[in-house]
């Protein structure tokens, strides 16, 4: 005899599955299958989550991919994993610790020495650390501001001349819709005053994603008419290793599972808009825009040019670089 629960569970499961499929249709997929042979891509955080899936998709299209990862052995393991299924493309694992300015400089010099062209830089890596851990980078920066923003700011500027020389070229800045909840407080960039939490939101992470968005828009302005196109990307709510530092009880996972079934993207689905902005030929004159679900997204958060300019100047000072853009 069939339990009466089955008459409830099966229809609900079917309905959730149907809603999931409907949502997936709105997320968009990169439609470009153009060959990328001879083009060099640099992907940060390439050994897991969205970065790993981006590398796979680029390899399918025969690109050369510099896999910038904090742990080179993990990157080599991913190379072996990819090679079991994809034989095309060139995969080059290299060590990059975005929490260390010295590591960024060393990595950048090695890239410049070994690669005469860099066609696309994908600033994908990021950290999300509970505020109670009071984490800082090796140079003393608050971990989210230091890694998510300053690390990529320095990396991009050190490679920017080579990216210009490789034009037409692109820089893809992976930010998040959570940036709409962020603030840029120039008196508290490094958590000098601490942060006020709202619910389960991590304000330091939101602030760093807003900094990414400001960086993208200012970089686009400074590279205008150079052949470099800059795109900011909201990848969507994605299952990845970003939240590996966050500890949850089994009860939280039970409560979260219905939300995950409806809203949580796979890493490959999260990589699609990044891929779209990195390779789609139709975006050649769209520099400075933000994309979500493989189409232009107009954020409710307006970015003030004055804030973008000031953040750039402060970032230059904190990272100790010489400005190379106009």
Protein backbone atom coordinates (compact mmCIF):
# COMPACT_ATOMS: atom_id res chain seq x y z
CA UNK A 1 0.00 0.00 0.00
CA UNK A 2 1.37 3.35 -1.02
CA UNK A 3 1.87 5.75 1.85
CA UNK A 4 -0.31 8.84 1.76
CA UNK A 5 2.89 10.87 2.04
CA UNK A 6 3.79 9.87 -1.52
CA UNK A 7 0.72 11.68 -2.86
CA UNK A 8 2.17 14.84 -1.33
CA UNK A 9 5.92 14.39 -1.87
CA UNK A 10 5.90 13.45 -5.56
CA UNK A 11 3.78 16.40 -6.77
CA UNK A 12 5.83 18.83 -4.68
CA UNK A 13 9.09 17.39 -6.02
CA UNK A 14 7.74 17.61 -9.57
CA UNK A 15 6.65 21.21 -9.05
CA UNK A 16 10.03 22.22 -7.60
CA UNK A 17 11.81 20.53 -10.49
CA UNK A 18 9.59 22.34 -13.00
CA UNK A 19 10.19 25.69 -11.33
CA UNK A 20 13.92 24.96 -11.30
CA UNK A 21 13.90 24.32 -15.05
CA UNK A 22 11.97 27.54 -15.66
CA UNK A 23 14.50 29.53 -13.63
CA UNK A 24 17.43 27.93 -15.43
CA UNK A 25 16.06 29.20 -18.74
CA UNK A 26 16.40 32.79 -17.47
CA UNK A 27 20.03 32.44 -16.37
CA UNK A 28 21.44 32.49 -19.88
CA UNK A 29 24.28 30.55 -21.49
CA UNK A 30 27.27 31.66 -23.48
CA UNK A 31 26.37 30.86 -27.08
CA UNK A 32 29.74 31.57 -28.66
CA UNK A 33 31.61 28.45 -29.80
CA UNK A 34 34.34 30.40 -31.57
CA UNK A 35 37.80 28.82 -31.58
CA UNK A 36 40.18 30.52 -29.14
CA UNK A 37 43.32 28.85 -30.41
CA UNK A 38 46.28 31.21 -30.10
CA UNK A 39 44.57 33.39 -27.48
CA UNK A 40 45.88 33.64 -23.92
CA UNK A 41 43.49 33.83 -20.98
CA UNK A 42 44.45 34.38 -17.34
CA UNK A 43 41.95 33.14 -14.76
CA UNK A 44 42.40 33.73 -11.02
CA UNK A 45 40.96 31.15 -8.65
CA UNK A 46 41.09 28.64 -11.49
CA UNK A 47 41.22 25.43 -9.45
CA UNK A 48 37.69 25.40 -8.03
CA UNK A 49 34.10 26.52 -8.49
CA UNK A 50 33.33 29.05 -11.18
CA UNK A 51 36.99 29.51 -12.08
CA UNK A 52 37.46 25.81 -12.73
CA UNK A 53 34.37 25.64 -14.94
CA UNK A 54 35.53 28.72 -16.84
CA UNK A 55 38.85 27.00 -17.53
CA UNK A 56 37.06 23.90 -18.80
CA UNK A 57 34.93 25.91 -21.22
CA UNK A 58 37.94 27.86 -22.49
CA UNK A 59 39.92 24.63 -22.96
CA UNK A 60 37.09 23.17 -25.04
CA UNK A 61 37.55 26.15 -27.34
CA UNK A 62 41.34 25.52 -27.61
CA UNK A 63 42.53 28.54 -25.60
CA UNK A 64 45.78 28.84 -23.67
CA UNK A 65 44.82 29.35 -20.02
CA UNK A 66 47.09 30.59 -17.25
CA UNK A 67 45.58 29.05 -14.12
CA UNK A 68 46.47 31.45 -11.31
CA UNK A 69 45.99 29.58 -8.01
CA UNK A 70 47.19 29.90 -4.44
CA UNK A 71 47.95 26.17 -4.24
CA UNK A 72 49.80 24.95 -7.32
CA UNK A 73 49.36 21.28 -6.45
CA UNK A 74 45.60 21.71 -6.37
CA UNK A 75 45.84 23.42 -9.75
CA UNK A 76 47.87 20.51 -11.15
CA UNK A 77 45.26 18.07 -9.83
CA UNK A 78 42.58 20.05 -11.67
CA UNK A 79 44.66 19.95 -14.85
CA UNK A 80 44.78 16.15 -14.59
CA UNK A 81 41.03 16.05 -13.97
CA UNK A 82 40.30 18.24 -16.99
CA UNK A 83 42.65 16.25 -19.21
CA UNK A 84 40.64 13.10 -18.48
CA UNK A 85 37.75 14.67 -20.41
CA UNK A 86 39.15 17.53 -22.50
CA UNK A 87 42.26 17.16 -24.63
CA UNK A 88 42.25 20.58 -26.31
CA UNK A 89 43.67 23.87 -25.06
CA UNK A 90 46.85 24.54 -23.13
CA UNK A 91 46.64 24.60 -19.32
CA UNK A 92 49.40 26.41 -17.42
CA UNK A 93 49.13 26.24 -13.61
CA UNK A 94 50.98 29.04 -11.79
CA UNK A 95 51.19 30.12 -8.16
CA UNK A 96 49.42 33.33 -7.15
CA UNK A 97 48.51 34.33 -3.61
CA UNK A 98 46.25 37.38 -3.83
CA UNK A 99 46.70 37.90 -0.09
CA UNK A 100 50.36 38.80 -0.68
CA UNK A 101 51.51 41.81 -2.70
CA UNK A 102 54.93 40.18 -3.07
CA UNK A 103 53.36 37.05 -4.55
CA UNK A 104 51.33 39.14 -6.99
CA UNK A 105 54.43 40.98 -8.15
CA UNK A 106 56.42 37.76 -8.57
CA UNK A 107 53.59 36.09 -10.45
CA UNK A 108 53.08 39.09 -12.74
CA UNK A 109 56.76 39.22 -13.63
CA UNK A 110 56.76 35.52 -14.51
CA UNK A 111 53.69 35.99 -16.71
CA UNK A 112 55.23 38.98 -18.50
CA UNK A 113 58.43 37.02 -19.07
CA UNK A 114 56.74 33.93 -20.45
CA UNK A 115 53.73 35.28 -22.31
CA UNK A 116 54.14 37.97 -24.98
CA UNK A 117 50.35 38.33 -25.22
CA UNK A 118 47.50 38.39 -22.68
CA UNK A 119 44.18 38.64 -24.48
CA UNK A 120 41.77 38.25 -21.56
CA UNK A 121 42.22 38.67 -17.81
CA UNK A 122 39.44 37.18 -15.69
CA UNK A 123 39.54 38.45 -12.10
CA UNK A 124 37.48 35.67 -10.56
CA UNK A 125 39.08 34.63 -7.25
CA UNK A 126 37.55 35.81 -4.01
CA UNK A 127 37.24 35.07 -0.31
CA UNK A 128 34.35 35.13 2.12
CA UNK A 129 35.47 34.86 5.74
CA UNK A 130 33.29 35.27 8.87
CA UNK A 131 33.99 38.62 10.51
CA UNK A 132 34.58 36.97 13.87
CA UNK A 133 37.83 35.53 12.51
CA UNK A 134 39.32 39.05 12.10
CA UNK A 135 41.33 37.88 9.10
CA UNK A 136 43.94 40.03 7.38
CA UNK A 137 46.26 39.61 4.41
CA UNK A 138 50.02 39.18 4.74
CA UNK A 139 50.38 42.92 4.19
CA UNK A 140 47.91 43.82 6.94
CA UNK A 141 44.79 44.56 4.87
CA UNK A 142 41.33 43.40 5.92
CA UNK A 143 41.00 40.07 4.10
CA UNK A 144 38.04 40.93 1.83
CA UNK A 145 39.31 44.37 0.85
CA UNK A 146 42.86 43.06 0.50
CA UNK A 147 42.16 39.96 -1.61
CA UNK A 148 38.95 40.70 -3.48
CA UNK A 149 39.83 44.29 -4.37
CA UNK A 150 43.48 45.26 -3.80
CA UNK A 151 44.89 41.94 -4.98
CA UNK A 152 43.11 42.13 -8.32
CA UNK A 153 43.75 45.87 -8.57
CA UNK A 154 47.50 45.33 -8.34
CA UNK A 155 47.48 42.29 -10.62
CA UNK A 156 45.52 44.09 -13.33
CA UNK A 157 47.72 47.18 -13.25
CA UNK A 158 50.93 45.17 -13.41
CA UNK A 159 49.66 43.35 -16.51
CA UNK A 160 47.77 46.23 -18.08
CA UNK A 161 50.43 47.37 -20.53
CA UNK A 162 50.72 43.82 -21.90
CA UNK A 163 46.92 43.58 -22.13
CA UNK A 164 46.87 46.84 -24.10
CA UNK A 165 49.58 45.55 -26.41
CA UNK A 166 47.42 42.47 -27.05
CA UNK A 167 44.34 44.50 -28.08
CA UNK A 168 41.62 43.83 -28.88
CA UNK A 169 41.62 42.44 -25.34
CA UNK A 170 39.36 42.24 -22.32
CA UNK A 171 39.31 42.41 -18.53
CA UNK A 172 36.43 40.66 -16.77
CA UNK A 173 35.81 41.72 -13.17
CA UNK A 174 33.70 39.25 -11.21
CA UNK A 175 31.68 41.12 -8.64
CA UNK A 176 28.30 40.26 -7.06
CA UNK A 177 24.78 41.58 -6.73
CA UNK A 178 25.64 41.81 -3.02
CA UNK A 179 27.63 44.90 -3.94
CA UNK A 180 24.27 46.72 -3.90
CA UNK A 181 24.33 46.30 -0.11
CA UNK A 182 27.91 47.54 0.21
CA UNK A 183 29.38 50.91 1.11
CA UNK A 184 32.68 52.61 0.41
CA UNK A 185 33.73 54.33 3.62
CA UNK A 186 37.17 55.79 3.05
CA UNK A 187 37.70 56.06 6.79
CA UNK A 188 37.00 52.35 7.28
CA UNK A 189 38.40 50.56 4.23
CA UNK A 190 40.66 48.44 6.39
CA UNK A 191 38.12 47.75 9.14
CA UNK A 192 39.59 50.47 11.34
CA UNK A 193 36.17 50.98 12.91
CA UNK A 194 34.95 47.43 12.56
CA UNK A 195 31.69 46.50 10.81
CA UNK A 196 28.06 46.47 11.83
CA UNK A 197 26.41 43.24 10.70
CA UNK A 198 22.84 43.10 9.44
CA UNK A 199 21.32 39.65 9.75
CA UNK A 200 23.57 37.08 8.12
CA UNK A 201 25.06 39.59 5.71
CA UNK A 202 28.84 40.01 5.72
CA UNK A 203 29.34 43.76 5.18
CA UNK A 204 33.08 43.39 4.51
CA UNK A 205 32.36 41.04 1.61
CA UNK A 206 29.61 43.31 0.23
CA UNK A 207 31.95 46.30 0.47
CA UNK A 208 34.70 44.46 -1.40
CA UNK A 209 32.28 43.54 -4.18
CA UNK A 210 31.23 47.18 -4.44
CA UNK A 211 34.92 48.07 -4.67
CA UNK A 212 35.22 45.56 -7.53
CA UNK A 213 32.37 47.31 -9.34
CA UNK A 214 33.99 50.72 -8.86
CA UNK A 215 37.29 49.31 -10.07
CA UNK A 216 35.65 47.94 -13.21
CA UNK A 217 33.96 51.20 -14.13
CA UNK A 218 37.07 53.29 -13.46
CA UNK A 219 39.30 50.87 -15.38
CA UNK A 220 36.92 51.10 -18.33
CA UNK A 221 37.17 54.89 -18.25
CA UNK A 222 40.96 54.84 -18.06
CA UNK A 223 41.34 52.33 -20.90
CA UNK A 224 38.93 54.06 -23.27
CA UNK A 225 40.15 54.00 -26.89
CA UNK A 226 42.98 51.58 -26.09
CA UNK A 227 41.32 48.46 -27.49
CA UNK A 228 40.76 47.05 -23.99
CA UNK A 229 37.15 46.33 -23.04
CA UNK A 230 36.21 45.96 -19.37
CA UNK A 231 33.13 44.11 -18.14
CA UNK A 232 31.79 43.59 -14.62
CA UNK A 233 29.89 40.35 -14.01
CA UNK A 234 27.26 39.19 -11.53
CA UNK A 235 27.58 35.38 -11.82
CA UNK A 236 24.49 34.72 -9.71
CA UNK A 237 23.94 32.70 -6.53
CA UNK A 238 26.29 29.79 -7.22
CA UNK A 239 27.44 26.64 -5.48
CA UNK A 240 31.21 27.02 -5.17
CA UNK A 241 34.00 26.95 -2.62
CA UNK A 242 33.57 30.63 -1.77
CA UNK A 243 31.79 29.91 1.51
CA UNK A 244 34.14 27.14 2.65
CA UNK A 245 35.08 29.15 5.76
CA UNK A 246 31.44 29.44 6.88
CA UNK A 247 30.34 26.71 9.29
CA UNK A 248 26.67 25.72 9.34
CA UNK A 249 24.76 23.09 11.31
CA UNK A 250 22.77 20.32 9.63
CA UNK A 251 19.62 22.23 10.57
CA UNK A 252 20.68 25.18 8.41
CA UNK A 253 21.24 22.86 5.45
CA UNK A 254 17.75 21.38 5.88
CA UNK A 255 16.19 24.85 5.88
CA UNK A 256 18.37 25.98 3.00
CA UNK A 257 17.74 23.02 0.68
CA UNK A 258 14.42 24.28 -0.83
CA UNK A 259 16.06 27.64 -1.57
CA UNK A 260 19.06 25.87 -3.12
CA UNK A 261 16.84 23.76 -5.36
CA UNK A 262 15.17 26.86 -6.76
CA UNK A 263 17.91 29.47 -6.80
CA UNK A 264 21.38 27.92 -6.46
CA UNK A 265 23.27 27.61 -9.74
CA UNK A 266 25.87 24.97 -10.49
CA UNK A 267 29.41 26.26 -10.92
CA UNK A 268 29.09 25.75 -14.68
CA UNK A 269 25.89 27.80 -14.78
CA UNK A 270 27.60 30.51 -12.73
CA UNK A 271 30.48 30.59 -15.21
CA UNK A 272 28.30 31.30 -18.25
CA UNK A 273 28.10 35.10 -17.95
CA UNK A 274 31.84 35.28 -17.26
CA UNK A 275 32.46 33.25 -20.38
CA UNK A 276 30.02 35.41 -22.35
CA UNK A 277 31.90 38.57 -21.38
CA UNK A 278 35.28 36.97 -22.01
CA UNK A 279 34.72 35.63 -25.53
CA UNK A 280 31.45 36.70 -27.17
CA UNK A 281 32.26 38.81 -30.27
CA UNK A 282 29.06 40.87 -29.90
CA UNK A 283 30.44 42.64 -26.81
CA UNK A 284 33.36 44.29 -28.60
CA UNK A 285 32.07 47.85 -28.00
CA UNK A 286 30.35 47.46 -24.64
CA UNK A 287 33.17 48.41 -22.25
CA UNK A 288 32.18 49.56 -18.79
CA UNK A 289 28.89 47.69 -18.59
CA UNK A 290 27.72 45.16 -16.02
CA UNK A 291 26.33 41.79 -17.09
CA UNK A 292 24.07 39.28 -15.42
CA UNK A 293 22.46 36.22 -17.01
CA UNK A 294 24.47 36.90 -20.19
CA UNK A 295 22.85 40.27 -20.76
CA UNK A 296 23.36 43.86 -19.68
CA UNK A 297 22.25 44.49 -16.10
CA UNK A 298 21.34 47.92 -14.81
CA UNK A 299 22.03 47.93 -11.08
CA UNK A 300 19.87 49.86 -8.67
CA UNK A 301 23.15 50.98 -7.10
CA UNK A 302 24.51 54.04 -8.87
CA UNK A 303 28.30 54.32 -8.99
CA UNK A 304 29.58 57.84 -8.39
CA UNK A 305 32.56 58.78 -10.61
CA UNK A 306 34.14 60.75 -7.75
CA UNK A 307 34.14 57.69 -5.50
CA UNK A 308 35.59 55.52 -8.28
CA UNK A 309 38.40 58.02 -8.85
CA UNK A 310 39.22 58.38 -5.17
CA UNK A 311 39.18 54.63 -4.58
CA UNK A 312 41.58 54.20 -7.49
CA UNK A 313 44.00 56.77 -6.08
CA UNK A 314 43.93 55.20 -2.62
CA UNK A 315 44.42 51.73 -4.10
CA UNK A 316 47.44 52.99 -6.04
CA UNK A 317 48.96 54.28 -2.81
CA UNK A 318 48.19 51.13 -0.80
CA UNK A 319 49.65 48.78 -3.42
CA UNK A 320 52.64 51.00 -4.19
CA UNK A 321 52.30 51.01 -7.96
CA UNK A 322 52.93 53.63 -10.59
CA UNK A 323 49.82 54.61 -12.54
CA UNK A 324 49.98 53.41 -16.12
CA UNK A 325 46.54 54.47 -17.29
CA UNK A 326 45.30 57.89 -18.20
